[in-house]
Amino acid sequence: MSSPTGPSTSGTFLGMPAVPPRSPHGTGHLRGERTFPKAAHDGLGDEQLRRNLGKATHSIRAKRLAVTGELPDWEQLRDAGSAIKTDTMNRLPELLEQLERKVTEHGGTVHWARDGVEANEIVTRLVKRTGNDEVLKVKSMATQEIGLNEHLESQGITALETDLAELIVQLADDRPSHILVPAIHRNREEIREIFLRRIPGVDPALDAAPAELAAAARAYLREKFMTAKVAVSGANFGIAETGTLSVVESEGNGRMCLTMPETLITVMGIEKLLPRFQDLEVFLQLLPRSSTGERMNPYTSLWTGVTPGDGPQEFHLVLLDNGRTAALADTIGREALNCIRCSACLNVCPVYERTGGHAYGSTYPGPIGAVLTPQLAGMHAAKDDPNSSLPYASTLCGACFDACPVKIDIPSLLVELRHQHTEQSGTTAEKLAMKAAAAVMKQPKLFTAAQKAAGLGRVLAGRNGTFSRLPPPLHGWSDSRDTPAPPKQSFRSWLASAEGAATMRAAAEEGAWHTDDDPQEAP
């Protein structure tokens, strides 16, 4: 194929759209160091972790089922949420431009970041311009995704998390393992030990009771709230129609960060957009019930630009792409961008409950992370890319689809990503094996010979008639299961034998007798 104007230097032809870039390799937290199966072994072997996860996810599931069951129109709400998000993705460019106009009209400044590197640079520049070296943080998946805290630290700026769970993770030099409850893998005693080690002036007699732990964190954070000049937040929703941003939370720390500092910087993924202010009517019912099992969020904060004399007097909105346009360009996978980060899919996933979030190696764990992470950062950025194992981190049981408040068909997306991974992997042992099997099955004589040859393998089986360990490349199958030895006789050879023929004749005669004996049977 050629272009009348000739080929371009980029490797594509002029007039043809280029493939949108994904998140740059080696930046942020969208790729682990090990494949999921290897990382999952750590979680499976940690009994305390599994107890913590089991207790927490069972509790959240029960609460969610109770409050969603109260609404007679819950399924209609899910349909509405899905339709609104799908409409948003279909019109995303124009809606983003509308959001920019409205934010600017109300005194805010909009910055566009192609990736995490640019977003980190923008936020750092804005903080330095204020002359401060400390910022408060509201829980934000987007800033975790791009590694903002680490980047700020490298520039001499301290970022303090104010969400209780995020604070626990930060003080422990740990990583979040859940979208909604980042410290879900920690129990009360562990949190007490962390506070005693890391929070200055904590009473050595601190009890592990939740109320006392919360009080210790509150006392530590209150001074920071009263003195900080700059805050960095995420956003649950951005409204194109009005330029309004929204954060929903349960502790009040978000309200403090969004109203008290002089400068507010919000980093928002471009997919968090909603077209109309009225759309919040749907999502402020879906989100709390699906996430925390509450009828409504204790704190729902909305702000539009800058209001003289009230709240921050300087507002910046950083719109983050970081692979989202690449996901949007995937006609099948773009459905994952509808996610509202409620974590309902994590709480019902049998794989997540047993391995924990760290096994996924990404800011986004669980079923939605297994879909979203490869779309944002790719699966073949390096040899043996850990992200290529994420689409297989699922039983495809469908529980995530049933729980999703916006009806993202996660199992189908995982299957599609498996297909894409296979297509992009080139020649592999699996592909060669499938081609060889297809060639054999197309020729009856070869297939019969292969069956006879497989039967010879019985001599290598154990006394119980199974193989406990298969040779490479089949050893992955036998790592967690015994493999039955081939039968002494294949079905086809049995069917062709005198015994098989006699058995089939007897079955046919019995079937005919029952047909004649049944008056209801049609002639």
Protein backbone atom coordinates (compact mmCIF):
# COMPACT_ATOMS: atom_id res chain seq x y z
CA MET A 1 0.00 0.00 0.00
CA SER A 2 1.33 3.45 -0.83
CA SER A 3 0.32 7.03 -0.32
CA PRO A 4 0.17 9.60 -3.13
CA THR A 5 2.28 11.90 -0.98
CA GLY A 6 4.83 9.22 -0.13
CA PRO A 7 5.68 7.52 3.14
CA SER A 8 6.41 9.51 6.29
CA THR A 9 9.53 9.09 8.41
CA SER A 10 7.51 7.75 11.34
CA GLY A 11 6.89 4.39 9.71
CA THR A 12 3.25 5.11 8.84
CA PHE A 13 1.85 6.64 5.69
CA LEU A 14 0.76 10.24 5.53
CA GLY A 15 -2.97 10.54 5.96
CA MET A 16 -3.11 7.46 8.20
CA PRO A 17 -3.58 7.80 11.96
CA ALA A 18 -0.67 6.70 14.10
CA VAL A 19 -1.17 4.21 16.91
CA PRO A 20 -1.65 6.21 20.14
CA PRO A 21 1.27 5.83 22.59
CA ARG A 22 0.96 3.83 25.78
CA SER A 23 2.39 4.74 29.17
CA PRO A 24 6.20 4.96 28.79
CA HIS A 25 8.03 1.82 29.84
CA GLY A 26 9.92 2.14 33.10
CA THR A 27 7.82 4.99 34.54
CA GLY A 28 5.15 4.98 37.22
CA HIS A 29 3.49 1.91 38.69
CA LEU A 30 1.82 0.10 35.80
CA ARG A 31 4.19 -2.84 35.63
CA GLY A 32 5.53 -5.25 38.21
CA GLU A 33 8.94 -6.90 38.32
CA ARG A 34 7.61 -10.47 38.15
CA THR A 35 4.86 -12.26 36.28
CA PHE A 36 1.58 -12.76 38.10
CA PRO A 37 2.03 -16.52 38.75
CA LYS A 38 5.41 -15.96 40.40
CA ALA A 39 4.26 -12.96 42.45
CA ALA A 40 1.04 -14.73 43.46
CA HIS A 41 3.00 -17.48 45.22
CA ASP A 42 4.03 -14.94 47.89
CA GLY A 43 0.42 -14.08 48.62
CA LEU A 44 -0.71 -17.68 48.61
CA GLY A 45 1.97 -18.54 51.15
CA ASP A 46 1.14 -15.66 53.53
CA GLU A 47 -1.54 -17.00 55.88
CA GLN A 48 -1.99 -13.68 57.69
CA LEU A 49 -2.50 -11.84 54.41
CA ARG A 50 -5.12 -14.34 53.31
CA ARG A 51 -6.98 -14.07 56.60
CA ASN A 52 -6.96 -10.26 56.39
CA LEU A 53 -8.19 -10.30 52.79
CA GLY A 54 -10.84 -12.93 53.41
CA LYS A 55 -12.32 -11.10 56.39
CA ALA A 56 -12.34 -7.70 54.68
CA THR A 57 -13.73 -8.79 51.31
CA HIS A 58 -16.46 -10.95 52.88
CA SER A 59 -17.56 -8.01 55.05
CA ILE A 60 -17.67 -5.54 52.13
CA ARG A 61 -19.52 -8.04 49.92
CA ALA A 62 -22.21 -8.57 52.54
CA LYS A 63 -22.73 -4.81 53.01
CA ARG A 64 -22.89 -4.23 49.26
CA LEU A 65 -25.50 -6.94 48.72
CA ALA A 66 -27.63 -5.50 51.52
CA VAL A 67 -27.73 -1.93 50.22
CA THR A 68 -28.06 -2.79 46.53
CA GLY A 69 -30.91 -5.12 47.37
CA GLU A 70 -32.83 -2.18 48.82
CA LEU A 71 -33.21 -0.50 45.42
CA PRO A 72 -35.92 -1.86 43.11
CA ASP A 73 -34.27 -0.05 40.17
CA TRP A 74 -30.69 -1.16 40.82
CA GLU A 75 -30.37 -2.89 37.44
CA GLN A 76 -31.82 0.16 35.69
CA LEU A 77 -29.23 2.33 37.47
CA ARG A 78 -26.49 0.02 36.22
CA ASP A 79 -27.87 0.29 32.69
CA ALA A 80 -27.95 4.09 32.96
CA GLY A 81 -24.38 4.22 34.29
CA SER A 82 -23.13 2.01 31.49
CA ALA A 83 -24.93 4.07 28.84
CA ILE A 84 -23.60 7.39 30.18
CA LYS A 85 -20.01 6.16 30.29
CA THR A 86 -20.26 4.63 26.81
CA ASP A 87 -21.63 7.91 25.46
CA THR A 88 -18.78 9.76 27.18
CA MET A 89 -16.12 7.57 25.56
CA ASN A 90 -17.75 8.04 22.16
CA ARG A 91 -17.57 11.83 22.51
CA LEU A 92 -14.49 12.16 24.72
CA PRO A 93 -12.48 14.69 22.62
CA GLU A 94 -15.28 17.25 22.41
CA LEU A 95 -16.25 16.77 26.05
CA LEU A 96 -12.67 17.34 27.20
CA GLU A 97 -12.53 20.58 25.25
CA GLN A 98 -15.82 21.64 26.83
CA LEU A 99 -14.42 20.84 30.29
CA GLU A 100 -11.33 22.94 29.59
CA ARG A 101 -13.45 25.92 28.54
CA LYS A 102 -15.63 25.74 31.63
CA VAL A 103 -12.75 25.32 34.08
CA THR A 104 -10.97 28.28 32.49
CA GLU A 105 -14.12 30.41 32.57
CA HIS A 106 -14.32 29.85 36.34
CA GLY A 107 -10.75 30.91 37.06
CA GLY A 108 -8.94 27.57 36.88
CA THR A 109 -6.02 26.56 34.68
CA VAL A 110 -6.00 23.36 32.64
CA HIS A 111 -2.82 21.46 31.79
CA TRP A 112 -2.65 18.54 29.33
CA ALA A 113 -0.24 15.70 30.16
CA ARG A 114 0.49 13.10 27.49
CA ASP A 115 1.96 10.72 30.06
CA GLY A 116 3.06 10.35 33.66
CA VAL A 117 6.41 12.00 33.01
CA GLU A 118 4.76 15.20 31.81
CA ALA A 119 2.19 15.14 34.61
CA ASN A 120 4.90 14.79 37.26
CA GLU A 121 6.85 17.66 35.74
CA ILE A 122 3.76 19.89 35.64
CA VAL A 123 2.82 19.24 39.27
CA THR A 124 6.42 19.71 40.46
CA ARG A 125 6.70 23.02 38.61
CA LEU A 126 3.43 24.28 40.08
CA VAL A 127 4.44 23.32 43.63
CA LYS A 128 7.88 24.91 43.34
CA ARG A 129 6.29 28.09 42.03
CA THR A 130 4.45 28.48 45.35
CA GLY A 131 7.72 28.31 47.28
CA ASN A 132 6.58 25.34 49.39
CA ASP A 133 8.33 22.02 49.92
CA GLU A 134 5.40 20.08 51.41
CA VAL A 135 2.03 19.12 49.92
CA LEU A 136 -1.00 17.29 51.25
CA LYS A 137 -2.46 14.47 49.21
CA VAL A 138 -6.02 13.27 48.83
CA LYS A 139 -6.25 9.59 47.86
CA SER A 140 -5.67 9.46 44.11
CA MET A 141 -5.20 6.42 41.89
CA ALA A 142 -3.90 8.61 39.05
CA THR A 143 -1.02 10.04 41.09
CA GLN A 144 -0.13 6.55 42.33
CA GLU A 145 -0.18 5.34 38.73
CA ILE A 146 2.41 7.93 37.64
CA GLY A 147 4.55 7.72 40.80
CA LEU A 148 4.02 11.35 41.74
CA ASN A 149 5.07 10.99 45.39
CA GLU A 150 8.41 9.47 44.46
CA HIS A 151 9.02 12.14 41.83
CA LEU A 152 8.23 14.95 44.26
CA GLU A 153 10.56 13.41 46.83
CA SER A 154 13.37 13.35 44.26
CA GLN A 155 12.79 17.09 43.82
CA GLY A 156 12.96 17.85 47.55
CA ILE A 157 9.18 18.03 48.06
CA THR A 158 7.40 15.95 50.71
CA ALA A 159 3.96 14.59 49.80
CA LEU A 160 1.90 13.50 52.82
CA GLU A 161 -1.04 11.14 52.29
CA THR A 162 -4.07 12.14 54.38
CA ASP A 163 -6.39 9.20 53.75
CA LEU A 164 -5.98 6.88 56.76
CA ALA A 165 -5.29 3.74 54.73
CA GLU A 166 -2.96 5.56 52.36
CA LEU A 167 -1.14 7.05 55.37
CA ILE A 168 -0.66 3.55 56.82
CA VAL A 169 0.80 2.33 53.53
CA GLN A 170 3.05 5.37 53.22
CA LEU A 171 4.38 5.15 56.79
CA ALA A 172 5.11 1.44 56.31
CA ASP A 173 7.04 2.10 53.06
CA ASP A 174 4.53 -0.28 51.51
CA ARG A 175 2.36 -0.27 48.40
CA PRO A 176 -1.45 -0.20 48.18
CA SER A 177 -3.07 -3.56 47.51
CA HIS A 178 -6.69 -2.53 46.93
CA ILE A 179 -8.37 0.25 44.94
CA LEU A 180 -10.62 1.37 47.75
CA VAL A 181 -8.95 0.02 50.90
CA PRO A 182 -5.20 0.34 50.20
CA ALA A 183 -4.21 -1.17 53.58
CA ILE A 184 -6.64 -4.09 53.37
CA HIS A 185 -3.68 -6.47 53.81
CA ARG A 186 -2.84 -5.00 57.25
CA ASN A 187 -4.55 -5.84 60.54
CA ARG A 188 -4.94 -3.66 63.64
CA GLU A 189 -1.84 -4.91 65.44
CA GLU A 190 0.31 -4.30 62.38
CA ILE A 191 -1.07 -0.75 62.07
CA ARG A 192 -0.37 -0.07 65.75
CA GLU A 193 3.27 -1.11 65.29
CA ILE A 194 3.58 1.12 62.23
CA PHE A 195 2.21 4.14 64.09
CA LEU A 196 4.50 3.56 67.07
CA ARG A 197 7.54 3.46 64.79
CA ARG A 198 6.72 6.30 62.39
CA ILE A 199 4.41 8.93 63.92
CA PRO A 200 6.27 11.39 66.17
CA GLY A 201 4.97 11.71 69.73
CA VAL A 202 2.58 8.75 69.68
CA ASP A 203 1.71 7.41 73.12
CA PRO A 204 3.74 4.20 73.68
CA ALA A 205 0.63 2.73 75.32
CA LEU A 206 -1.39 3.17 72.09
CA ASP A 207 -4.10 0.53 71.86
CA ALA A 208 -4.97 -1.38 68.66
CA ALA A 209 -8.63 -0.41 68.89
CA PRO A 210 -9.77 1.27 65.61
CA ALA A 211 -10.98 4.40 67.45
CA GLU A 212 -7.60 4.92 69.12
CA LEU A 213 -5.67 4.29 65.92
CA ALA A 214 -7.87 6.79 64.07
CA ALA A 215 -7.41 9.35 66.87
CA ALA A 216 -3.62 9.04 66.66
CA ALA A 217 -3.70 9.60 62.91
CA ARG A 218 -6.13 12.51 63.29
CA ALA A 219 -3.89 14.29 65.78
CA TYR A 220 -0.90 13.84 63.49
CA LEU A 221 -2.74 15.12 60.40
CA ARG A 222 -4.64 18.01 61.99
CA GLU A 223 -1.50 20.12 62.34
CA LYS A 224 -0.67 19.47 58.70
CA PHE A 225 -4.15 20.51 57.56
CA MET A 226 -3.85 23.82 59.44
CA THR A 227 -0.46 24.77 58.03
CA ALA A 228 -0.18 23.34 54.50
CA LYS A 229 -0.39 25.77 51.59
CA VAL A 230 -0.65 23.28 48.71
CA ALA A 231 -2.77 20.18 48.19
CA VAL A 232 -2.85 17.60 45.38
CA SER A 233 -6.03 15.64 44.72
CA GLY A 234 -7.50 13.18 42.30
CA ALA A 235 -11.08 13.33 41.04
CA ASN A 236 -13.86 10.80 40.99
CA PHE A 237 -15.77 12.75 38.36
CA GLY A 238 -15.31 15.79 36.15
CA ILE A 239 -18.40 17.44 34.62
CA ALA A 240 -17.94 18.78 31.09
CA GLU A 241 -21.13 20.85 31.20
CA THR A 242 -20.08 23.01 34.17
CA GLY A 243 -16.34 22.46 34.72
CA THR A 244 -17.11 20.97 38.15
CA LEU A 245 -14.82 18.43 39.82
CA SER A 246 -15.92 15.96 42.49
CA VAL A 247 -14.23 13.88 45.19
CA VAL A 248 -16.15 11.42 47.35
CA GLU A 249 -14.63 10.05 50.56
CA SER A 250 -15.46 8.80 54.04
CA GLU A 251 -13.09 10.51 56.48
CA GLY A 252 -13.27 14.25 55.91
CA ASN A 253 -9.59 14.51 54.99
CA GLY A 254 -10.58 15.24 51.40
CA ARG A 255 -12.80 18.12 52.48
CA MET A 256 -9.92 19.59 54.50
CA CYS A 257 -7.46 19.31 51.60
CA LEU A 258 -9.89 20.71 49.05
CA THR A 259 -10.89 23.78 51.05
CA MET A 260 -8.03 24.91 53.33
CA PRO A 261 -4.82 25.22 51.21
CA GLU A 262 -4.20 28.26 49.08
CA THR A 263 -3.35 26.19 45.98
CA LEU A 264 -5.14 23.06 44.77
CA ILE A 265 -3.76 20.84 42.01
CA THR A 266 -6.04 18.06 40.70
CA VAL A 267 -4.70 15.22 38.55
CA MET A 268 -7.54 13.51 36.67
CA GLY A 269 -7.48 10.71 34.13
CA ILE A 270 -9.30 11.85 31.01
CA GLU A 271 -11.78 8.95 31.28
CA LYS A 272 -13.24 10.27 34.57
CA LEU A 273 -15.44 12.68 32.63
CA LEU A 274 -19.26 12.86 32.69
CA PRO A 275 -21.20 14.97 30.15
CA ARG A 276 -23.82 16.60 32.41
CA PHE A 277 -24.12 17.66 36.03
CA GLN A 278 -27.34 15.65 36.20
CA ASP A 279 -25.34 12.47 35.55
CA LEU A 280 -24.09 12.63 39.13
CA GLU A 281 -27.61 11.58 40.14
CA VAL A 282 -26.82 8.12 38.78
CA PHE A 283 -23.21 7.74 39.87
CA LEU A 284 -23.63 9.05 43.40
CA GLN A 285 -26.01 6.12 43.90
CA LEU A 286 -23.89 3.52 42.12
CA LEU A 287 -20.48 4.35 43.57
CA PRO A 288 -21.02 4.27 47.36
CA ARG A 289 -23.17 1.14 47.26
CA SER A 290 -20.67 -0.70 45.07
CA SER A 291 -17.55 0.44 46.91
CA THR A 292 -18.15 0.68 50.66
CA GLY A 293 -21.64 -0.76 50.90
CA GLU A 294 -23.05 2.62 51.99
CA ARG A 295 -26.18 4.35 50.75
CA MET A 296 -24.25 7.58 50.25
CA ASN A 297 -20.75 8.88 50.81
CA PRO A 298 -20.19 10.70 54.11
CA TYR A 299 -18.34 13.47 52.24
CA THR A 300 -19.13 14.51 48.68
CA SER A 301 -17.11 17.57 47.67
CA LEU A 302 -17.83 19.56 44.52
CA TRP A 303 -15.91 22.59 43.33
CA THR A 304 -15.92 24.70 40.17
CA GLY A 305 -12.84 26.79 39.47
CA VAL A 306 -11.98 29.51 41.97
CA THR A 307 -14.32 31.47 44.26
CA PRO A 308 -12.80 34.71 45.60
CA GLY A 309 -12.43 34.60 49.38
CA ASP A 310 -13.61 30.99 49.66
CA GLY A 311 -11.31 27.99 49.41
CA PRO A 312 -8.14 27.74 47.30
CA GLN A 313 -7.43 30.86 45.32
CA GLU A 314 -5.38 29.04 42.71
CA PHE A 315 -6.71 25.91 41.00
CA HIS A 316 -4.96 23.74 38.42
CA LEU A 317 -6.43 20.74 36.62
CA VAL A 318 -3.96 18.29 35.06
CA LEU A 319 -5.68 16.07 32.48
CA LEU A 320 -3.75 12.80 32.26
CA ASP A 321 -3.64 10.55 29.19
CA ASN A 322 -0.86 8.03 29.96
CA GLY A 323 -2.14 5.35 27.61
CA ARG A 324 -5.84 6.12 27.87
CA THR A 325 -6.08 7.22 24.25
CA ALA A 326 -4.45 3.93 23.26
CA ALA A 327 -7.12 2.08 25.25
CA LEU A 328 -9.81 4.24 23.66
CA ALA A 329 -8.55 3.26 20.21
CA ASP A 330 -9.19 -0.41 21.00
CA THR A 331 -12.79 -0.89 19.86
CA ILE A 332 -13.24 -3.85 22.21
CA GLY A 333 -11.02 -2.97 25.13
CA ARG A 334 -12.17 0.65 25.42
CA GLU A 335 -15.06 -0.59 27.58
CA ALA A 336 -12.60 -0.83 30.48
CA LEU A 337 -12.36 2.98 30.52
CA ASN A 338 -15.93 3.03 31.85
CA CYS A 339 -14.55 1.93 35.23
CA ILE A 340 -15.46 4.23 38.15
CA ARG A 341 -12.88 2.63 40.53
CA CYS A 342 -15.43 1.22 42.97
CA SER A 343 -13.46 -2.03 43.59
CA ALA A 344 -16.59 -4.22 43.56
CA CYS A 345 -14.86 -6.62 41.17
CA LEU A 346 -11.93 -7.09 43.56
CA ASN A 347 -14.19 -7.93 46.46
CA VAL A 348 -15.90 -10.81 44.61
CA CYS A 349 -12.86 -12.18 42.78
CA PRO A 350 -11.65 -15.56 44.11
CA VAL A 351 -8.19 -14.96 42.63
CA TYR A 352 -7.71 -11.54 44.25
CA GLU A 353 -8.99 -12.79 47.61
CA ARG A 354 -6.29 -15.46 47.71
CA THR A 355 -3.32 -13.57 46.24
CA GLY A 356 -3.82 -9.94 47.25
CA GLY A 357 -3.19 -6.83 45.20
CA HIS A 358 0.62 -6.82 45.22
CA ALA A 359 0.72 -9.88 42.96
CA TYR A 360 -0.63 -7.77 40.07
CA GLY A 361 2.39 -5.45 40.19
CA SER A 362 0.26 -2.43 39.23
CA THR A 363 -1.57 0.44 40.88
CA TYR A 364 -4.71 -1.25 39.56
CA PRO A 365 -5.10 -4.79 40.99
CA GLY A 366 -7.86 -7.34 40.64
CA PRO A 367 -10.01 -8.11 37.60
CA ILE A 368 -10.25 -4.54 36.32
CA GLY A 369 -6.52 -4.09 36.80
CA ALA A 370 -5.84 -7.25 34.79
CA VAL A 371 -7.71 -5.52 31.92
CA LEU A 372 -6.77 -1.87 32.40
CA THR A 373 -3.04 -2.21 33.12
CA PRO A 374 -2.14 -4.00 29.85
CA GLN A 375 -4.21 -1.47 27.91
CA LEU A 376 -2.49 1.54 29.48
CA ALA A 377 1.07 0.23 29.51
CA GLY A 378 1.02 -2.58 26.94
CA MET A 379 1.97 -6.24 27.24
CA HIS A 380 5.10 -6.37 25.10
CA ALA A 381 7.19 -3.38 26.18
CA ALA A 382 10.03 -5.70 27.17
CA LYS A 383 10.99 -9.36 26.90
CA ASP A 384 8.83 -11.51 29.19
CA ASP A 385 6.75 -8.44 30.09
CA PRO A 386 4.96 -9.17 33.41
CA ASN A 387 1.86 -7.41 32.07
CA SER A 388 1.40 -10.18 29.51
CA SER A 389 0.52 -12.56 32.36
CA LEU A 390 -2.27 -10.38 33.79
CA PRO A 391 -5.06 -11.40 31.37
CA TYR A 392 -4.56 -14.97 32.61
CA ALA A 393 -4.94 -13.99 36.29
CA SER A 394 -8.60 -14.98 36.28
CA THR A 395 -10.87 -18.02 36.37
CA LEU A 396 -13.34 -16.23 34.06
CA CYS A 397 -16.08 -17.11 36.56
CA GLY A 398 -18.01 -13.92 35.72
CA ALA A 399 -18.52 -12.68 39.30
CA CYS A 400 -16.80 -9.39 38.41
CA PHE A 401 -19.27 -8.75 35.57
CA ASP A 402 -22.21 -9.43 37.89
CA ALA A 403 -20.86 -6.98 40.49
CA CYS A 404 -19.72 -4.14 38.21
CA PRO A 405 -22.02 -1.11 38.65
CA VAL A 406 -21.50 -0.03 35.02
CA LYS A 407 -21.67 -3.55 33.58
CA ILE A 408 -18.14 -3.86 32.20
CA ASP A 409 -17.87 -7.33 30.70
CA ILE A 410 -14.48 -8.01 32.27
CA PRO A 411 -14.34 -11.76 31.40
CA SER A 412 -14.84 -11.03 27.69
CA LEU A 413 -12.20 -8.29 27.80
CA LEU A 414 -9.75 -10.70 29.44
CA VAL A 415 -10.36 -13.23 26.68
CA GLU A 416 -9.77 -10.51 24.07
CA LEU A 417 -6.50 -9.51 25.74
CA ARG A 418 -5.43 -13.16 25.75
CA HIS A 419 -6.13 -13.22 22.03
CA GLN A 420 -4.11 -10.03 21.50
CA HIS A 421 -1.23 -11.43 23.55
CA THR A 422 -1.20 -14.60 21.48
CA GLU A 423 -1.26 -12.65 18.22
CA GLN A 424 1.59 -10.37 19.32
CA SER A 425 3.78 -13.10 20.75
CA GLY A 426 4.99 -14.38 17.39
CA THR A 427 6.09 -18.00 17.11
CA THR A 428 5.84 -19.77 20.46
CA ALA A 429 5.96 -23.38 21.62
CA GLU A 430 2.20 -23.24 22.17
CA LYS A 431 1.52 -22.03 18.64
CA LEU A 432 3.77 -24.70 17.15
CA ALA A 433 2.05 -27.37 19.26
CA MET A 434 -1.40 -26.22 18.12
CA LYS A 435 -0.33 -26.22 14.47
CA ALA A 436 1.10 -29.71 14.83
CA ALA A 437 -2.10 -30.93 16.53
CA ALA A 438 -4.24 -29.39 13.78
CA ALA A 439 -2.15 -31.09 11.08
CA VAL A 440 -2.49 -34.48 12.80
CA MET A 441 -6.24 -34.14 13.38
CA LYS A 442 -6.85 -33.32 9.72
CA GLN A 443 -5.52 -36.74 8.69
CA PRO A 444 -7.35 -39.77 10.19
CA LYS A 445 -4.42 -42.15 9.71
CA LEU A 446 -2.01 -39.82 11.48
CA PHE A 447 -4.54 -39.21 14.25
CA THR A 448 -4.98 -42.95 14.80
CA ALA A 449 -1.22 -43.47 14.86
CA ALA A 450 -0.83 -40.62 17.38
CA GLN A 451 -3.44 -42.19 19.64
CA LYS A 452 -1.61 -45.52 19.58
CA ALA A 453 1.69 -43.80 20.31
CA ALA A 454 0.16 -41.90 23.24
CA GLY A 455 -1.10 -45.18 24.68
CA LEU A 456 2.50 -46.36 25.02
CA GLY A 457 2.98 -43.67 27.63
CA ARG A 458 1.04 -45.75 30.15
CA VAL A 459 4.21 -47.58 31.06
CA LEU A 460 5.62 -44.32 32.47
CA ALA A 461 2.63 -43.60 34.69
CA GLY A 462 2.61 -44.22 38.43
CA ARG A 463 0.79 -47.03 40.18
CA ASN A 464 -2.33 -44.88 40.47
CA GLY A 465 -2.45 -44.41 36.70
CA THR A 466 -1.41 -40.74 36.65
CA PHE A 467 1.63 -38.61 35.83
CA SER A 468 2.62 -36.38 38.75
CA ARG A 469 5.10 -34.42 36.65
CA LEU A 470 5.13 -33.80 32.89
CA PRO A 471 8.29 -32.80 30.99
CA PRO A 472 8.71 -29.24 29.59
CA PRO A 473 6.91 -27.49 28.01
CA LEU A 474 3.93 -29.33 29.55
CA HIS A 475 5.15 -29.10 33.15
CA GLY A 476 3.00 -26.00 33.82
CA TRP A 477 -0.11 -28.18 33.59
CA SER A 478 1.16 -30.71 36.14
CA ASP A 479 2.46 -28.13 38.63
CA SER A 480 -0.89 -28.10 40.41
CA ARG A 481 -2.62 -31.31 39.22
CA ASP A 482 -1.96 -34.94 38.39
CA THR A 483 -2.39 -35.91 34.74
CA PRO A 484 -4.30 -39.12 33.87
CA ALA A 485 -2.37 -41.63 31.79
CA PRO A 486 -3.77 -42.39 28.31
CA PRO A 487 -6.40 -45.19 28.34
CA LYS A 488 -5.47 -48.69 27.27
CA GLN A 489 -7.84 -48.38 24.33
CA SER A 490 -9.08 -45.26 22.54
CA PHE A 491 -12.79 -44.73 21.98
CA ARG A 492 -12.38 -45.09 18.22
CA SER A 493 -10.60 -48.45 18.49
CA TRP A 494 -13.16 -49.66 21.03
CA LEU A 495 -16.01 -48.62 18.73
CA ALA A 496 -14.45 -50.56 15.86
CA SER A 497 -14.02 -53.69 17.99
CA ALA A 498 -16.53 -56.56 18.32
CA GLU A 499 -17.29 -55.48 21.89
CA GLY A 500 -18.02 -51.92 20.84
CA ALA A 501 -20.22 -52.99 17.95
CA ALA A 502 -22.22 -55.34 20.19
CA THR A 503 -22.67 -52.63 22.82
CA MET A 504 -23.90 -50.10 20.26
CA ARG A 505 -26.37 -52.64 18.77
CA ALA A 506 -27.75 -53.38 22.24
CA ALA A 507 -28.13 -49.68 22.97
CA ALA A 508 -29.94 -49.12 19.68
CA GLU A 509 -32.33 -52.01 20.32
CA GLU A 510 -33.06 -50.73 23.83
CA GLY A 511 -33.74 -47.25 22.49
CA ALA A 512 -36.11 -48.61 19.85
CA TRP A 513 -37.96 -50.65 22.50
CA HIS A 514 -38.47 -47.58 24.68
CA THR A 515 -39.72 -45.59 21.70
CA ASP A 516 -42.34 -48.22 20.80
CA ASP A 517 -43.39 -48.49 24.46
CA ASP A 518 -43.92 -44.72 24.96
CA PRO A 519 -47.37 -43.58 23.69
CA GLN A 520 -46.30 -39.91 23.94
CA GLU A 521 -43.34 -40.41 21.60
CA ALA A 522 -43.91 -38.98 18.13
CA PRO A 523 -43.78 -41.52 15.27
